[in-house]
């Protein structure tokens, strides 16, 4: 769909608006980073801070897309949903790969 139109936009783009690729990419990147950090950290407090920090970055990227006037909120939420689904698929695939690798090594 078309991007939002404003009287005095901060940024003007001509490409499609739905879903937000920046929101999807940041959700995937920071989600993967959070998963990695949670697996590597020993302290529950550090894990919580890592998750909160990564979630804050995703929210800031989403907010920036709406603030710049290049996306509607629904575009950003759809991008975050897409990124979350892709992250879940990647994490499931990595776990399956690790189990397969462990099973081969146990023989």
N, C-alpha and C. Protein backbone atom coordinates (compact mmCIF):
# COMPACT_ATOMS: atom_id res chain seq x y z
N UNK A 1 0.83 -1.18 0.00
CA UNK A 1 0.00 0.00 0.00
C UNK A 1 0.87 1.24 0.00
N UNK A 2 0.27 2.35 -0.26
CA UNK A 2 1.01 3.61 -0.33
C UNK A 2 1.43 4.06 1.06
N UNK A 3 2.51 4.80 1.08
CA UNK A 3 3.01 5.34 2.35
C UNK A 3 2.12 6.50 2.80
N UNK A 4 2.19 6.83 4.09
CA UNK A 4 1.40 7.96 4.59
C UNK A 4 1.82 9.26 3.90
N UNK A 5 0.89 10.16 3.77
CA UNK A 5 1.21 11.47 3.21
C UNK A 5 0.98 12.53 4.29
N UNK A 6 1.94 13.42 4.40
CA UNK A 6 1.89 14.47 5.41
C UNK A 6 2.12 15.81 4.73
N UNK A 7 1.68 16.86 5.38
CA UNK A 7 1.86 18.21 4.83
C UNK A 7 3.33 18.60 4.78
N UNK A 8 4.07 18.29 5.85
CA UNK A 8 5.48 18.65 5.93
C UNK A 8 6.28 17.43 6.41
N UNK A 9 6.52 16.43 5.53
CA UNK A 9 7.17 15.19 5.98
C UNK A 9 8.66 15.39 6.26
N UNK A 10 9.16 14.62 7.21
CA UNK A 10 10.60 14.63 7.49
C UNK A 10 11.36 13.84 6.43
N UNK A 11 10.68 12.86 5.85
CA UNK A 11 11.30 11.98 4.87
C UNK A 11 10.24 11.56 3.87
N UNK A 12 10.59 11.51 2.59
CA UNK A 12 9.65 11.08 1.57
C UNK A 12 10.23 9.90 0.81
N UNK A 13 9.46 8.80 0.77
CA UNK A 13 9.88 7.60 0.05
C UNK A 13 8.79 7.24 -0.94
N UNK A 14 9.17 6.56 -2.02
CA UNK A 14 8.19 6.23 -3.06
C UNK A 14 7.87 4.74 -3.11
N UNK A 15 8.58 3.92 -2.34
CA UNK A 15 8.34 2.48 -2.36
C UNK A 15 7.13 2.12 -1.51
N UNK A 16 6.77 0.85 -1.52
CA UNK A 16 5.62 0.38 -0.75
C UNK A 16 5.84 0.50 0.75
N UNK A 17 4.73 0.48 1.47
CA UNK A 17 4.79 0.73 2.89
C UNK A 17 4.59 -0.51 3.75
N UNK A 18 3.86 -1.49 3.24
CA UNK A 18 3.44 -2.61 4.08
C UNK A 18 4.16 -3.88 3.70
N UNK A 19 4.74 -4.61 4.61
CA UNK A 19 5.05 -4.30 6.00
C UNK A 19 6.37 -3.54 6.09
N UNK A 20 6.70 -3.07 7.26
CA UNK A 20 7.95 -2.33 7.45
C UNK A 20 9.13 -3.29 7.48
N UNK A 21 10.01 -3.14 6.52
CA UNK A 21 11.20 -3.97 6.47
C UNK A 21 12.17 -3.66 7.59
N UNK A 22 12.25 -2.38 7.98
CA UNK A 22 13.12 -2.01 9.09
C UNK A 22 12.64 -2.66 10.38
N UNK A 23 11.34 -2.66 10.61
CA UNK A 23 10.79 -3.27 11.83
C UNK A 23 11.03 -4.77 11.82
N UNK A 24 10.84 -5.41 10.67
CA UNK A 24 11.06 -6.86 10.57
C UNK A 24 12.54 -7.18 10.80
N UNK A 25 13.42 -6.45 10.15
CA UNK A 25 14.85 -6.69 10.29
C UNK A 25 15.37 -6.45 11.70
N UNK A 26 14.90 -5.38 12.33
CA UNK A 26 15.36 -5.10 13.70
C UNK A 26 14.82 -6.14 14.67
N UNK A 27 13.59 -6.60 14.45
CA UNK A 27 13.03 -7.64 15.32
C UNK A 27 13.84 -8.92 15.19
N UNK A 28 14.18 -9.28 13.98
CA UNK A 28 14.97 -10.48 13.75
C UNK A 28 16.37 -10.34 14.34
N UNK A 29 17.04 -9.24 14.07
CA UNK A 29 18.41 -9.04 14.55
C UNK A 29 18.48 -8.98 16.07
N UNK A 30 17.70 -8.08 16.66
CA UNK A 30 17.77 -7.92 18.11
C UNK A 30 17.16 -9.12 18.84
N UNK A 31 16.20 -9.80 18.22
CA UNK A 31 15.67 -11.02 18.81
C UNK A 31 16.72 -12.12 18.84
N UNK A 32 17.45 -12.26 17.74
CA UNK A 32 18.53 -13.25 17.70
C UNK A 32 19.62 -12.89 18.70
N UNK A 33 19.95 -11.61 18.79
CA UNK A 33 20.95 -11.16 19.75
C UNK A 33 20.50 -11.47 21.18
N UNK A 34 19.23 -11.24 21.48
CA UNK A 34 18.70 -11.54 22.81
C UNK A 34 18.79 -13.03 23.10
N UNK A 35 18.43 -13.87 22.13
CA UNK A 35 18.52 -15.32 22.32
C UNK A 35 19.96 -15.74 22.57
N UNK A 36 20.88 -15.20 21.82
CA UNK A 36 22.29 -15.53 21.98
C UNK A 36 22.79 -15.12 23.37
N UNK A 37 22.46 -13.89 23.77
CA UNK A 37 22.92 -13.40 25.06
C UNK A 37 22.31 -14.18 26.22
N UNK A 38 21.05 -14.52 26.10
CA UNK A 38 20.39 -15.29 27.17
C UNK A 38 21.06 -16.65 27.35
N UNK A 39 21.46 -17.29 26.26
CA UNK A 39 22.12 -18.58 26.35
C UNK A 39 23.53 -18.48 26.93
N UNK A 40 24.17 -17.34 26.77
CA UNK A 40 25.55 -17.18 27.21
C UNK A 40 25.67 -16.63 28.63
N UNK A 41 24.65 -15.97 29.14
CA UNK A 41 24.73 -15.32 30.45
C UNK A 41 24.29 -16.26 31.55
N UNK A 42 24.91 -16.12 32.70
CA UNK A 42 24.60 -16.98 33.85
C UNK A 42 23.58 -16.33 34.79
N UNK A 43 23.62 -15.03 34.92
CA UNK A 43 22.78 -14.31 35.86
C UNK A 43 21.39 -14.03 35.27
N UNK A 44 20.36 -14.25 36.07
CA UNK A 44 19.01 -13.94 35.63
C UNK A 44 18.81 -12.45 35.41
N UNK A 45 19.48 -11.64 36.23
CA UNK A 45 19.39 -10.18 36.07
C UNK A 45 20.00 -9.75 34.75
N UNK A 46 21.14 -10.31 34.41
CA UNK A 46 21.79 -9.97 33.14
C UNK A 46 20.93 -10.42 31.97
N UNK A 47 20.31 -11.59 32.09
CA UNK A 47 19.42 -12.07 31.03
C UNK A 47 18.24 -11.13 30.84
N UNK A 48 17.65 -10.71 31.94
CA UNK A 48 16.50 -9.79 31.86
C UNK A 48 16.91 -8.47 31.23
N UNK A 49 18.07 -7.96 31.60
CA UNK A 49 18.56 -6.70 31.02
C UNK A 49 18.83 -6.84 29.53
N UNK A 50 19.35 -7.98 29.13
CA UNK A 50 19.61 -8.21 27.70
C UNK A 50 18.30 -8.23 26.92
N UNK A 51 17.30 -8.91 27.46
CA UNK A 51 16.00 -8.97 26.78
C UNK A 51 15.37 -7.60 26.73
N UNK A 52 15.40 -6.87 27.84
CA UNK A 52 14.81 -5.53 27.87
C UNK A 52 15.53 -4.57 26.92
N UNK A 53 16.86 -4.66 26.89
CA UNK A 53 17.62 -3.80 26.00
C UNK A 53 17.32 -4.07 24.53
N UNK A 54 17.26 -5.34 24.17
CA UNK A 54 16.96 -5.70 22.79
C UNK A 54 15.52 -5.33 22.42
N UNK A 55 14.59 -5.55 23.34
CA UNK A 55 13.19 -5.17 23.08
C UNK A 55 13.07 -3.66 22.93
N UNK A 56 13.82 -2.91 23.74
CA UNK A 56 13.79 -1.45 23.63
C UNK A 56 14.30 -0.99 22.27
N UNK A 57 15.32 -1.64 21.75
CA UNK A 57 15.84 -1.28 20.43
C UNK A 57 14.80 -1.52 19.33
N UNK A 58 14.09 -2.64 19.43
CA UNK A 58 13.05 -2.94 18.44
C UNK A 58 11.95 -1.88 18.50
N UNK A 59 11.54 -1.52 19.70
CA UNK A 59 10.49 -0.51 19.87
C UNK A 59 10.97 0.84 19.34
N UNK A 60 12.22 1.19 19.59
CA UNK A 60 12.76 2.47 19.09
C UNK A 60 12.80 2.51 17.57
N UNK A 61 13.19 1.41 16.95
CA UNK A 61 13.20 1.37 15.48
C UNK A 61 11.77 1.53 14.96
N UNK A 62 10.83 0.81 15.56
CA UNK A 62 9.43 0.93 15.14
C UNK A 62 8.90 2.34 15.32
N UNK A 63 9.21 2.94 16.46
CA UNK A 63 8.78 4.31 16.71
C UNK A 63 9.38 5.27 15.69
N UNK A 64 10.65 5.07 15.35
CA UNK A 64 11.29 5.97 14.40
C UNK A 64 10.62 5.92 13.03
N UNK A 65 10.14 4.75 12.62
CA UNK A 65 9.48 4.62 11.32
C UNK A 65 8.16 5.40 11.30
N UNK A 66 7.43 5.34 12.41
CA UNK A 66 6.18 6.10 12.50
C UNK A 66 6.48 7.58 12.65
N UNK A 67 7.47 7.93 13.47
CA UNK A 67 7.83 9.33 13.70
C UNK A 67 8.29 10.01 12.42
N UNK A 68 9.05 9.30 11.61
CA UNK A 68 9.51 9.87 10.35
C UNK A 68 8.38 10.01 9.33
N UNK A 69 7.26 9.37 9.60
CA UNK A 69 6.10 9.47 8.72
C UNK A 69 6.19 8.59 7.49
N UNK A 70 7.02 7.55 7.55
CA UNK A 70 7.17 6.67 6.39
C UNK A 70 6.35 5.39 6.52
N UNK A 71 5.75 5.15 7.69
CA UNK A 71 4.92 3.97 7.91
C UNK A 71 3.75 4.31 8.82
N UNK A 72 2.68 3.57 8.62
CA UNK A 72 1.59 3.57 9.58
C UNK A 72 1.96 2.62 10.71
N UNK A 73 1.27 2.74 11.85
CA UNK A 73 1.53 1.84 12.96
C UNK A 73 1.27 0.39 12.55
N UNK A 74 0.25 0.15 11.74
CA UNK A 74 -0.05 -1.22 11.31
C UNK A 74 1.09 -1.80 10.46
N UNK A 75 1.78 -0.97 9.69
CA UNK A 75 2.93 -1.42 8.90
C UNK A 75 4.05 -1.91 9.82
N UNK A 76 4.28 -1.14 10.88
CA UNK A 76 5.34 -1.48 11.83
C UNK A 76 4.99 -2.74 12.60
N UNK A 77 3.75 -2.84 13.06
CA UNK A 77 3.32 -4.03 13.80
C UNK A 77 3.38 -5.28 12.92
N UNK A 78 3.01 -5.13 11.65
CA UNK A 78 3.10 -6.27 10.72
C UNK A 78 4.55 -6.67 10.51
N UNK A 79 5.44 -5.70 10.39
CA UNK A 79 6.87 -6.00 10.24
C UNK A 79 7.42 -6.71 11.46
N UNK A 80 7.02 -6.26 12.65
CA UNK A 80 7.46 -6.91 13.88
C UNK A 80 6.92 -8.34 13.96
N UNK A 81 5.70 -8.54 13.53
CA UNK A 81 5.11 -9.89 13.52
C UNK A 81 5.86 -10.79 12.56
N UNK A 82 6.16 -10.27 11.38
CA UNK A 82 6.92 -11.03 10.39
C UNK A 82 8.31 -11.38 10.93
N UNK A 83 8.97 -10.41 11.55
CA UNK A 83 10.29 -10.66 12.13
C UNK A 83 10.25 -11.69 13.24
N UNK A 84 9.20 -11.64 14.07
CA UNK A 84 9.06 -12.61 15.15
C UNK A 84 8.83 -14.01 14.61
N UNK A 85 8.00 -14.13 13.58
CA UNK A 85 7.74 -15.44 12.97
C UNK A 85 9.02 -16.00 12.35
N UNK A 86 9.76 -15.16 11.66
CA UNK A 86 11.00 -15.61 11.04
C UNK A 86 12.03 -15.99 12.11
N UNK A 87 12.09 -15.22 13.20
CA UNK A 87 13.00 -15.54 14.30
C UNK A 87 12.65 -16.89 14.90
N UNK A 88 11.37 -17.14 15.12
CA UNK A 88 10.94 -18.43 15.68
C UNK A 88 11.33 -19.57 14.75
N UNK A 89 11.13 -19.39 13.47
CA UNK A 89 11.50 -20.42 12.50
C UNK A 89 13.01 -20.67 12.51
N UNK A 90 13.78 -19.61 12.56
CA UNK A 90 15.25 -19.75 12.61
C UNK A 90 15.71 -20.45 13.88
N UNK A 91 15.11 -20.11 15.02
CA UNK A 91 15.50 -20.72 16.28
C UNK A 91 15.13 -22.21 16.31
N UNK A 92 13.96 -22.55 15.75
CA UNK A 92 13.56 -23.96 15.66
C UNK A 92 14.53 -24.73 14.76
N UNK A 93 14.90 -24.12 13.65
CA UNK A 93 15.85 -24.77 12.73
C UNK A 93 17.22 -24.94 13.38
N UNK A 94 17.69 -23.94 14.10
CA UNK A 94 18.98 -24.07 14.79
C UNK A 94 18.95 -25.15 15.84
N UNK A 95 17.85 -25.24 16.57
CA UNK A 95 17.73 -26.30 17.59
C UNK A 95 17.71 -27.69 16.94
N UNK A 96 16.99 -27.82 15.85
CA UNK A 96 16.94 -29.10 15.14
C UNK A 96 18.33 -29.46 14.61
N UNK A 97 19.04 -28.48 14.07
CA UNK A 97 20.39 -28.72 13.57
C UNK A 97 21.31 -29.16 14.70
N UNK A 98 21.20 -28.49 15.86
CA UNK A 98 22.05 -28.85 17.00
C UNK A 98 21.73 -30.25 17.50
N UNK A 99 20.46 -30.62 17.55
CA UNK A 99 20.09 -31.98 17.96
C UNK A 99 20.61 -33.02 16.97
N UNK A 100 20.49 -32.72 15.69
CA UNK A 100 20.98 -33.63 14.65
C UNK A 100 22.49 -33.81 14.77
N UNK A 101 23.17 -32.71 14.96
CA UNK A 101 24.63 -32.74 15.09
C UNK A 101 25.05 -33.52 16.33
N UNK A 102 24.31 -33.31 17.43
CA UNK A 102 24.62 -34.03 18.66
C UNK A 102 24.37 -35.53 18.49
N UNK A 103 23.30 -35.90 17.78
CA UNK A 103 22.96 -37.30 17.56
C UNK A 103 24.03 -37.98 16.70
N UNK A 104 24.54 -37.29 15.72
CA UNK A 104 25.60 -37.85 14.87
C UNK A 104 26.88 -38.03 15.67
N UNK A 105 27.18 -37.06 16.54
CA UNK A 105 28.39 -37.15 17.35
C UNK A 105 28.31 -38.22 18.42
N UNK A 106 27.09 -38.60 18.84
CA UNK A 106 26.93 -39.60 19.89
C UNK A 106 27.12 -41.02 19.38
N UNK A 107 27.13 -41.23 18.08
CA UNK A 107 27.26 -42.58 17.50
C UNK A 107 28.62 -43.15 17.67
